[in-house]
Amino acid sequence: MNRLSPGVEPAPVQPPPARPEVAARSVAPAPAEGPRSIGLRSLRHRVDRRAVWWWTIRAVLAMAPLVAAVATGRAVLDATRPWSTPLLVAVVAIAVAYVAVVPSLRYAVHRWETTPEAVYAVSGWFVREWRAAPVSRIQTVDTVRGPVQRLLGLATVTVTTASAHGPVVLVGLDLEVADETARRLTEIVQRTRGDAT
């Protein structure tokens, strides 16, 4: 039995802190919950690491004609245009920086996720675009492989919807991941009643 000294009041009992419901739901949603919102969210999957090589090759192919044109102009105009050499140096520096930096930035930004409710993609490097397509609006699911992607074992999944903003594109996926994603999306779309118009 606890006895207090005369003149000492007992400390008030504090209730235990309330459990934050938001944190509990974000870790493990209950199976009985309804469909999740398709609003802005952190996406789960990165593109395949080999996509950096794919973007690097594309950057080299994009910059090469510009460097070649400026180099040709310098060869022709060097005697009469002293600014052609600094121009060539500037263009080469910009091209090298673009090839060295942009593919890694794209890898850091690009993410994707599919759920029974929607397909999500974040893309870009300077301007970032976040896209969500509800499954009920999907019209077609295609897997595309260009020559460089085939060489690297990559593929792109293109999800076409009725949106005026165009398809949701999941780029730089491993070929097996792309095929499985396209198959799973096709099955979900077939089970979903929607207005894919």
Protein backbone atom coordinates (compact mmCIF):
# COMPACT_ATOMS: atom_id res chain seq x y z
CA MET A 1 0.00 0.00 0.00
CA ASN A 2 1.40 3.38 -1.12
CA ARG A 3 1.27 6.13 1.42
CA LEU A 4 2.03 9.77 0.63
CA SER A 5 3.63 12.26 2.96
CA PRO A 6 1.26 14.90 4.33
CA GLY A 7 0.89 17.87 1.95
CA VAL A 8 2.03 15.91 -1.20
CA GLU A 9 -0.61 15.48 -3.85
CA PRO A 10 -0.49 12.50 -6.17
CA ALA A 11 0.63 13.20 -9.80
CA PRO A 12 -2.22 13.09 -12.30
CA VAL A 13 -2.36 9.93 -14.39
CA GLN A 14 -1.66 10.62 -18.08
CA PRO A 15 -3.52 8.53 -20.66
CA PRO A 16 -1.32 6.61 -23.11
CA PRO A 17 -0.60 8.52 -26.37
CA ALA A 18 -3.10 7.88 -29.15
CA ARG A 19 -1.87 5.65 -31.97
CA PRO A 20 -1.67 7.54 -35.26
CA GLU A 21 -4.03 5.84 -37.70
CA VAL A 22 -2.31 7.26 -40.79
CA ALA A 23 1.02 5.66 -39.94
CA ALA A 24 -0.62 2.32 -39.23
CA ARG A 25 -2.45 2.35 -42.57
CA SER A 26 0.61 3.32 -44.59
CA VAL A 27 2.56 0.35 -43.26
CA ALA A 28 -0.04 -2.40 -43.59
CA PRO A 29 -3.52 -1.62 -44.86
CA ALA A 30 -6.26 -3.89 -43.58
CA PRO A 31 -7.59 -6.34 -46.18
CA ALA A 32 -11.16 -5.13 -45.56
CA GLU A 33 -10.42 -1.57 -46.72
CA GLY A 34 -11.97 -0.36 -49.96
CA PRO A 35 -10.03 0.69 -53.09
CA ARG A 36 -7.06 2.94 -52.45
CA SER A 37 -6.90 6.48 -53.78
CA ILE A 38 -5.02 7.01 -57.03
CA GLY A 39 -3.69 10.41 -55.95
CA LEU A 40 -0.04 11.44 -55.67
CA ARG A 41 2.01 8.77 -53.99
CA SER A 42 5.57 7.53 -53.65
CA LEU A 43 6.05 4.85 -56.30
CA ARG A 44 7.57 1.50 -55.44
CA HIS A 45 9.69 0.41 -58.44
CA ARG A 46 12.76 1.92 -60.06
CA VAL A 47 13.52 1.21 -63.69
CA ASP A 48 16.22 -1.38 -64.43
CA ARG A 49 19.78 -0.13 -63.84
CA ARG A 50 20.63 -0.97 -67.48
CA ALA A 51 18.31 1.87 -68.49
CA VAL A 52 21.20 4.24 -67.68
CA TRP A 53 23.15 2.67 -70.57
CA TRP A 54 20.09 2.94 -72.83
CA TRP A 55 19.67 6.65 -72.04
CA THR A 56 23.43 7.20 -72.43
CA ILE A 57 23.43 5.66 -75.92
CA ARG A 58 20.39 7.74 -76.87
CA ALA A 59 22.08 10.90 -75.54
CA VAL A 60 25.24 10.18 -77.57
CA LEU A 61 23.14 9.61 -80.72
CA ALA A 62 21.24 12.86 -80.07
CA MET A 63 24.38 14.98 -79.45
CA ALA A 64 26.59 13.50 -82.20
CA PRO A 65 24.89 15.30 -85.16
CA LEU A 66 25.13 18.67 -83.36
CA VAL A 67 28.84 18.20 -82.57
CA ALA A 68 29.49 16.96 -86.13
CA ALA A 69 27.72 19.98 -87.65
CA VAL A 70 29.67 22.48 -85.52
CA ALA A 71 32.96 20.63 -86.20
CA THR A 72 32.25 20.71 -89.94
CA GLY A 73 31.44 24.41 -89.76
CA ARG A 74 34.68 25.06 -87.87
CA ALA A 75 36.71 23.15 -90.50
CA VAL A 76 35.17 25.24 -93.28
CA LEU A 77 35.10 28.64 -91.56
CA ASP A 78 38.15 28.51 -89.28
CA ALA A 79 40.24 30.92 -91.34
CA THR A 80 37.51 33.54 -91.60
CA ARG A 81 35.58 33.06 -88.34
CA PRO A 82 37.75 33.11 -85.20
CA TRP A 83 34.72 32.39 -82.96
CA SER A 84 34.23 28.91 -84.52
CA THR A 85 36.81 27.25 -82.23
CA PRO A 86 35.27 28.56 -78.96
CA LEU A 87 31.84 27.58 -80.29
CA LEU A 88 33.03 24.03 -80.98
CA VAL A 89 34.59 23.80 -77.50
CA ALA A 90 31.34 25.02 -75.89
CA VAL A 91 29.18 22.59 -77.87
CA VAL A 92 31.46 19.64 -77.04
CA ALA A 93 31.43 20.61 -73.33
CA ILE A 94 27.63 20.83 -73.30
CA ALA A 95 27.32 17.49 -75.12
CA VAL A 96 29.71 15.75 -72.72
CA ALA A 97 27.88 17.18 -69.69
CA TYR A 98 24.51 16.11 -71.13
CA VAL A 99 25.71 12.56 -71.80
CA ALA A 100 27.40 12.30 -68.39
CA VAL A 101 24.60 13.74 -66.22
CA VAL A 102 21.15 13.29 -67.80
CA PRO A 103 20.97 9.45 -67.88
CA SER A 104 21.75 9.25 -64.15
CA LEU A 105 19.19 11.97 -63.39
CA ARG A 106 16.56 10.06 -65.34
CA TYR A 107 17.38 6.90 -63.40
CA ALA A 108 17.02 8.77 -60.11
CA VAL A 109 13.61 10.20 -61.11
CA HIS A 110 11.89 7.46 -63.13
CA ARG A 111 9.68 5.21 -61.03
CA TRP A 112 6.59 3.13 -61.71
CA GLU A 113 3.97 0.98 -60.01
CA THR A 114 0.88 -0.99 -60.93
CA THR A 115 -2.00 -1.78 -58.59
CA PRO A 116 -5.45 -3.30 -59.14
CA GLU A 117 -6.75 0.29 -59.30
CA ALA A 118 -4.24 2.14 -61.50
CA VAL A 119 -0.92 2.36 -63.33
CA TYR A 120 1.53 5.02 -62.13
CA ALA A 121 4.67 6.51 -63.67
CA VAL A 122 7.03 9.35 -62.82
CA SER A 123 9.37 10.51 -65.58
CA GLY A 124 11.55 13.35 -66.78
CA TRP A 125 14.84 14.89 -65.71
CA PHE A 126 14.37 18.66 -65.94
CA VAL A 127 10.56 18.76 -66.02
CA ARG A 128 9.12 15.88 -64.00
CA GLU A 129 5.79 14.34 -64.90
CA TRP A 130 3.66 12.22 -62.58
CA ARG A 131 0.98 10.14 -64.35
CA ALA A 132 -1.78 7.86 -63.06
CA ALA A 133 -4.15 5.90 -65.27
CA PRO A 134 -7.16 4.20 -63.65
CA VAL A 135 -7.45 0.58 -64.78
CA SER A 136 -11.03 1.21 -65.85
CA ARG A 137 -9.76 3.65 -68.51
CA ILE A 138 -7.08 1.39 -70.04
CA GLN A 139 -7.64 0.54 -73.70
CA THR A 140 -4.45 -1.33 -74.67
CA VAL A 141 -1.26 -2.61 -73.04
CA ASP A 142 1.74 -2.96 -75.36
CA THR A 143 5.34 -4.09 -74.89
CA VAL A 144 7.84 -2.29 -77.14
CA ARG A 145 11.52 -3.13 -77.70
CA GLY A 146 13.78 -1.01 -79.89
CA PRO A 147 17.15 -2.25 -81.19
CA VAL A 148 19.17 -0.77 -78.30
CA GLN A 149 16.65 -2.07 -75.76
CA ARG A 150 16.90 -5.57 -77.28
CA LEU A 151 20.69 -5.38 -77.02
CA LEU A 152 20.43 -4.46 -73.32
CA GLY A 153 17.56 -6.85 -72.45
CA LEU A 154 15.10 -4.02 -71.76
CA ALA A 155 11.54 -3.22 -72.83
CA THR A 156 8.93 -0.48 -72.54
CA VAL A 157 5.33 -1.06 -71.48
CA THR A 158 2.92 1.41 -73.05
CA VAL A 159 -0.51 1.71 -71.41
CA THR A 160 -2.94 3.50 -73.71
CA THR A 161 -5.98 5.18 -72.18
CA ALA A 162 -8.73 7.51 -73.29
CA SER A 163 -6.76 10.47 -71.90
CA ALA A 164 -5.93 13.38 -74.18
CA HIS A 165 -2.50 13.50 -72.54
CA GLY A 166 -1.44 10.27 -74.21
CA PRO A 167 -0.35 6.89 -72.86
CA VAL A 168 1.36 6.09 -69.58
CA VAL A 169 4.79 4.74 -70.51
CA LEU A 170 6.87 2.51 -68.23
CA VAL A 171 10.36 2.73 -69.72
CA GLY A 172 13.58 0.85 -69.06
CA LEU A 173 12.08 -2.31 -67.58
CA ASP A 174 13.79 -5.69 -67.62
CA LEU A 175 12.25 -7.76 -70.43
CA GLU A 176 10.79 -10.39 -68.09
CA VAL A 177 9.43 -7.72 -65.73
CA ALA A 178 7.87 -5.90 -68.70
CA ASP A 179 6.23 -9.07 -70.03
CA GLU A 180 4.89 -10.00 -66.58
CA THR A 181 3.62 -6.45 -65.98
CA ALA A 182 1.82 -6.39 -69.35
CA ARG A 183 0.29 -9.82 -68.68
CA ARG A 184 -0.87 -8.87 -65.18
CA LEU A 185 -2.33 -5.54 -66.36
CA THR A 186 -4.17 -7.29 -69.18
CA GLU A 187 -5.72 -9.74 -66.69
CA ILE A 188 -6.74 -6.91 -64.33
CA VAL A 189 -8.29 -4.92 -67.19
CA GLN A 190 -10.27 -7.97 -68.36
CA ARG A 191 -11.71 -8.39 -64.85
CA THR A 192 -12.50 -4.68 -64.44
CA ARG A 193 -15.72 -3.18 -65.72
CA GLY A 194 -14.97 0.32 -66.85
CA ASP A 195 -15.46 2.97 -69.49
CA ALA A 196 -12.25 2.58 -71.49
CA THR A 197 -13.47 4.94 -74.19
